[in-house]
N, C-alpha and C. Protein backbone atom coordinates (compact mmCIF):
# COMPACT_ATOMS: atom_id res chain seq x y z
N MET A 1 243.42 285.02 120.11
CA MET A 1 242.68 283.79 120.77
C MET A 1 241.16 284.38 120.87
N ILE A 2 240.91 285.78 120.80
CA ILE A 2 239.13 286.14 121.32
C ILE A 2 238.90 286.35 120.01
N ARG A 3 239.61 286.34 119.06
CA ARG A 3 239.12 286.61 117.47
C ARG A 3 238.77 285.63 116.93
N ARG A 4 239.43 284.63 117.12
CA ARG A 4 238.91 282.81 117.09
C ARG A 4 238.18 282.23 117.48
N LEU A 5 237.62 282.75 119.19
CA LEU A 5 237.07 282.29 120.00
C LEU A 5 235.08 282.87 119.15
N LEU A 6 235.98 283.89 119.11
CA LEU A 6 234.32 284.83 118.27
C LEU A 6 233.95 283.83 116.73
N GLU A 7 235.37 283.99 115.84
CA GLU A 7 235.04 283.36 114.89
C GLU A 7 234.38 281.39 115.40
N ARG A 8 234.12 280.98 115.94
CA ARG A 8 234.18 279.83 116.25
C ARG A 8 232.30 279.98 116.64
N ARG A 9 231.94 280.63 117.53
CA ARG A 9 231.24 280.97 118.24
C ARG A 9 230.27 281.57 116.83
N ARG A 10 230.28 282.47 116.16
CA ARG A 10 229.73 282.68 114.92
C ARG A 10 229.30 281.21 114.13
N TYR A 11 230.33 280.78 114.13
CA TYR A 11 230.52 279.09 112.93
C TYR A 11 229.11 278.45 113.34
N MET A 12 229.27 277.93 115.02
CA MET A 12 228.30 277.23 115.68
C MET A 12 227.11 277.87 115.45
N ARG A 13 227.16 279.36 115.46
CA ARG A 13 225.42 279.76 115.35
C ARG A 13 224.87 279.56 113.92
N GLU A 14 225.57 279.54 113.23
CA GLU A 14 225.11 279.40 111.56
C GLU A 14 225.05 278.22 111.78
N HIS A 15 226.35 277.17 112.24
CA HIS A 15 225.32 275.59 111.79
C HIS A 15 224.19 274.98 112.67
N ASN A 16 224.34 275.66 113.54
CA ASN A 16 222.72 275.27 114.04
C ASN A 16 221.95 275.90 113.42
N TRP A 17 221.66 277.41 112.74
CA TRP A 17 220.62 278.01 112.65
C TRP A 17 220.59 277.00 111.04
N THR A 18 221.57 276.92 109.95
CA THR A 18 221.50 276.09 108.81
C THR A 18 220.44 274.68 109.26
N HIS A 19 221.25 273.94 109.77
CA HIS A 19 220.78 272.86 110.35
C HIS A 19 218.98 272.70 110.54
N ALA A 20 218.69 273.96 111.28
CA ALA A 20 217.26 273.61 111.73
C ALA A 20 216.63 274.42 109.93
N HIS A 21 217.43 274.58 109.08
CA HIS A 21 216.69 275.13 108.31
C HIS A 21 216.78 274.56 106.77
N LEU A 22 217.44 273.82 106.88
CA LEU A 22 217.49 272.98 105.56
C LEU A 22 216.51 272.48 104.88
N SER A 23 215.28 271.78 105.82
CA SER A 23 214.13 271.30 105.17
C SER A 23 213.70 272.46 104.92
N GLU A 24 213.01 273.83 104.80
CA GLU A 24 212.84 274.18 104.88
C GLU A 24 213.59 274.87 102.92
N TYR A 25 214.82 274.62 103.63
CA TYR A 25 215.48 275.26 102.20
C TYR A 25 215.00 274.88 101.02
N LEU A 26 214.92 273.20 100.92
CA LEU A 26 214.81 272.19 100.63
C LEU A 26 213.44 272.71 99.42
N ASP A 27 212.89 272.87 100.71
CA ASP A 27 210.81 273.06 100.20
C ASP A 27 210.97 275.23 99.57
N GLN A 28 212.03 275.78 99.85
CA GLN A 28 212.11 276.67 99.01
C GLN A 28 211.01 277.58 99.69
N ASP A 29 210.91 277.63 100.74
CA ASP A 29 210.11 278.19 101.86
C ASP A 29 210.79 279.71 102.81
N LEU A 30 211.83 279.56 102.28
CA LEU A 30 212.89 280.57 102.97
C LEU A 30 212.62 282.20 102.00
N SER A 31 213.30 283.08 102.73
CA SER A 31 213.54 284.11 101.72
C SER A 31 214.59 284.49 101.13
N PRO A 32 215.00 285.17 100.45
CA PRO A 32 216.02 285.48 99.65
C PRO A 32 217.22 285.34 100.40
N ALA A 33 217.09 285.84 101.18
CA ALA A 33 218.85 286.26 102.41
C ALA A 33 218.54 285.12 103.30
N GLU A 34 217.67 284.60 103.65
CA GLU A 34 218.00 282.94 104.45
C GLU A 34 218.65 282.00 103.71
N ARG A 35 217.96 282.22 102.28
CA ARG A 35 218.44 280.48 101.41
C ARG A 35 219.87 281.25 101.09
N GLU A 36 220.30 282.54 100.87
CA GLU A 36 221.95 283.02 100.77
C GLU A 36 222.48 282.65 102.04
N ARG A 37 222.33 282.54 103.34
CA ARG A 37 222.50 282.66 104.51
C ARG A 37 223.07 281.14 104.59
N VAL A 38 222.05 280.30 104.26
CA VAL A 38 222.13 278.87 104.22
C VAL A 38 223.20 277.86 103.37
N GLU A 39 222.96 278.69 102.18
CA GLU A 39 224.61 278.25 100.72
C GLU A 39 225.79 278.89 101.22
N GLU A 40 225.66 279.85 101.69
CA GLU A 40 226.91 280.52 102.71
C GLU A 40 227.45 279.39 103.74
N HIS A 41 226.67 279.05 104.54
CA HIS A 41 226.54 277.94 105.37
C HIS A 41 227.37 276.37 104.58
N VAL A 42 227.08 276.45 104.06
CA VAL A 42 226.72 274.67 103.68
C VAL A 42 227.99 274.96 102.67
N SER A 43 228.65 275.98 101.78
CA SER A 43 229.51 276.01 100.96
C SER A 43 230.92 275.66 102.00
N ILE A 44 231.19 275.70 103.21
CA ILE A 44 232.37 275.65 103.95
C ILE A 44 231.95 274.67 105.26
N CYS A 45 231.11 274.11 105.22
CA CYS A 45 230.55 272.96 106.59
C CYS A 45 230.47 271.63 105.72
N PRO A 46 231.63 270.53 105.52
CA PRO A 46 231.04 269.17 105.15
C PRO A 46 230.02 268.71 105.95
N HIS A 47 229.55 268.61 107.09
CA HIS A 47 228.23 268.44 108.15
C HIS A 47 227.05 268.64 107.26
N CYS A 48 226.79 269.73 107.13
CA CYS A 48 225.92 269.84 106.67
C CYS A 48 225.67 270.01 104.91
N ARG A 49 226.74 270.24 104.63
CA ARG A 49 226.33 270.17 103.00
C ARG A 49 225.85 268.16 103.09
N ARG A 50 226.86 267.38 103.39
CA ARG A 50 226.54 265.74 104.05
C ARG A 50 224.93 265.73 103.96
N VAL A 51 224.47 266.61 105.14
CA VAL A 51 222.77 266.44 105.84
C VAL A 51 222.19 266.85 104.77
N LEU A 52 222.36 267.91 103.47
CA LEU A 52 221.21 268.28 102.50
C LEU A 52 221.20 267.41 101.28
N ARG A 53 222.90 266.52 101.17
CA ARG A 53 222.71 266.12 100.13
C ARG A 53 221.96 264.65 101.00
N THR A 54 222.00 264.19 101.43
CA THR A 54 221.19 263.04 102.07
C THR A 54 219.54 263.44 102.09
N LEU A 55 219.54 264.92 102.14
CA LEU A 55 217.91 265.49 102.26
C LEU A 55 217.46 264.99 101.32
N ARG A 56 217.84 265.41 99.49
CA ARG A 56 217.91 265.74 98.80
C ARG A 56 217.52 264.00 97.93
N ARG A 57 218.78 263.13 98.30
CA ARG A 57 218.55 261.56 97.90
C ARG A 57 216.77 261.39 98.42
N THR A 58 216.82 261.78 99.67
CA THR A 58 215.44 260.84 100.46
C THR A 58 214.20 261.82 99.66
N LEU A 59 214.25 262.53 99.38
CA LEU A 59 213.37 263.24 98.63
C LEU A 59 213.26 262.97 97.55
N GLU A 60 213.87 263.08 96.74
CA GLU A 60 213.93 262.42 95.44
C GLU A 60 213.21 260.62 95.33
N SER A 61 214.16 260.03 96.59
CA SER A 61 213.38 258.27 96.73
C SER A 61 211.96 258.30 96.66
N LEU A 62 211.37 259.17 97.66
CA LEU A 62 209.87 259.25 97.78
C LEU A 62 209.47 259.55 96.86
N MET A 63 209.50 260.47 96.19
CA MET A 63 209.21 261.14 94.99
C MET A 63 208.77 259.93 93.35
N ASP A 64 209.81 259.34 93.60
CA ASP A 64 209.59 257.69 92.82
C ASP A 64 209.13 256.77 93.27
N LEU A 65 208.16 256.51 94.33
CA LEU A 65 207.87 255.57 95.15
C LEU A 65 205.88 255.76 94.33
N HIS A 66 205.46 256.97 93.56
CA HIS A 66 204.24 257.02 93.22
C HIS A 66 203.70 255.88 92.36
N GLY A 67 203.99 254.75 92.36
CA GLY A 67 203.83 253.63 92.00
C GLY A 67 201.90 253.89 91.97
N GLU A 68 201.09 252.70 91.36
CA GLU A 68 199.96 252.72 91.37
C GLU A 68 199.42 252.32 92.69
N PRO A 69 197.89 252.98 92.97
CA PRO A 69 197.51 253.06 94.56
C PRO A 69 197.05 251.87 94.33
N ARG A 70 197.77 250.68 96.00
CA ARG A 70 197.20 249.33 95.73
C ARG A 70 195.71 249.31 96.61
N PRO A 71 194.99 248.59 96.16
CA PRO A 71 193.12 248.49 96.92
C PRO A 71 193.95 247.94 98.69
N GLY A 72 192.82 248.98 99.75
CA GLY A 72 193.26 248.54 100.93
C GLY A 72 192.89 247.16 101.23
N LEU A 73 193.08 246.89 102.19
CA LEU A 73 192.64 245.05 102.76
C LEU A 73 191.44 245.18 102.83
N ALA A 74 190.24 245.56 102.82
CA ALA A 74 188.98 245.40 102.72
C ALA A 74 188.39 245.24 101.39
N ASP A 75 189.29 245.98 100.40
CA ASP A 75 189.05 246.22 99.12
C ASP A 75 189.43 244.55 98.15
N GLY A 76 190.17 243.97 98.83
CA GLY A 76 190.69 242.82 98.69
C GLY A 76 190.12 241.63 98.99
N VAL A 77 189.16 241.97 99.70
CA VAL A 77 188.87 241.19 100.84
C VAL A 77 187.68 240.64 100.13
N ILE A 78 186.66 242.08 99.16
CA ILE A 78 185.70 241.68 99.28
C ILE A 78 185.42 241.41 97.66
N ASP A 79 186.85 241.54 96.91
CA ASP A 79 187.29 241.17 95.13
C ASP A 79 187.24 240.22 95.73
N ARG A 80 188.00 239.86 96.17
CA ARG A 80 188.04 237.98 96.61
C ARG A 80 186.65 237.58 96.44
N LEU A 81 186.15 237.88 97.71
CA LEU A 81 184.62 237.56 97.99
C LEU A 81 183.48 236.92 96.87
N ARG A 82 183.57 238.16 96.14
CA ARG A 82 182.49 238.61 94.81
C ARG A 82 182.63 237.74 93.54
N GLY A 83 184.40 237.17 93.73
CA GLY A 83 184.66 236.42 92.70
C GLY A 83 184.48 234.85 93.21
N GLU A 84 183.84 234.59 94.02
CA GLU A 84 184.32 232.73 94.61
C GLU A 84 182.38 232.69 94.33
N PRO A 85 181.96 231.61 93.62
CA PRO A 85 180.43 230.92 93.16
C PRO A 85 179.97 231.00 94.58
């Protein structure tokens, strides 16, 4: 009984720590030991695995938004005014 309680407590400590460091993990801002800690927990935690997958997809989607910069509202108004006789 006590062993199971201690395992659960350790799991939740790792869960909370991992969840708080997933962004740093993706940014590769963790030490090798910390990266390993995240990877170990993600391998057994479906919730953290899902959050990590969602963060990765979000970052990939944001990286795809690199389109041409659009002129600001003021630039557009000025261009239109200059084009009128």
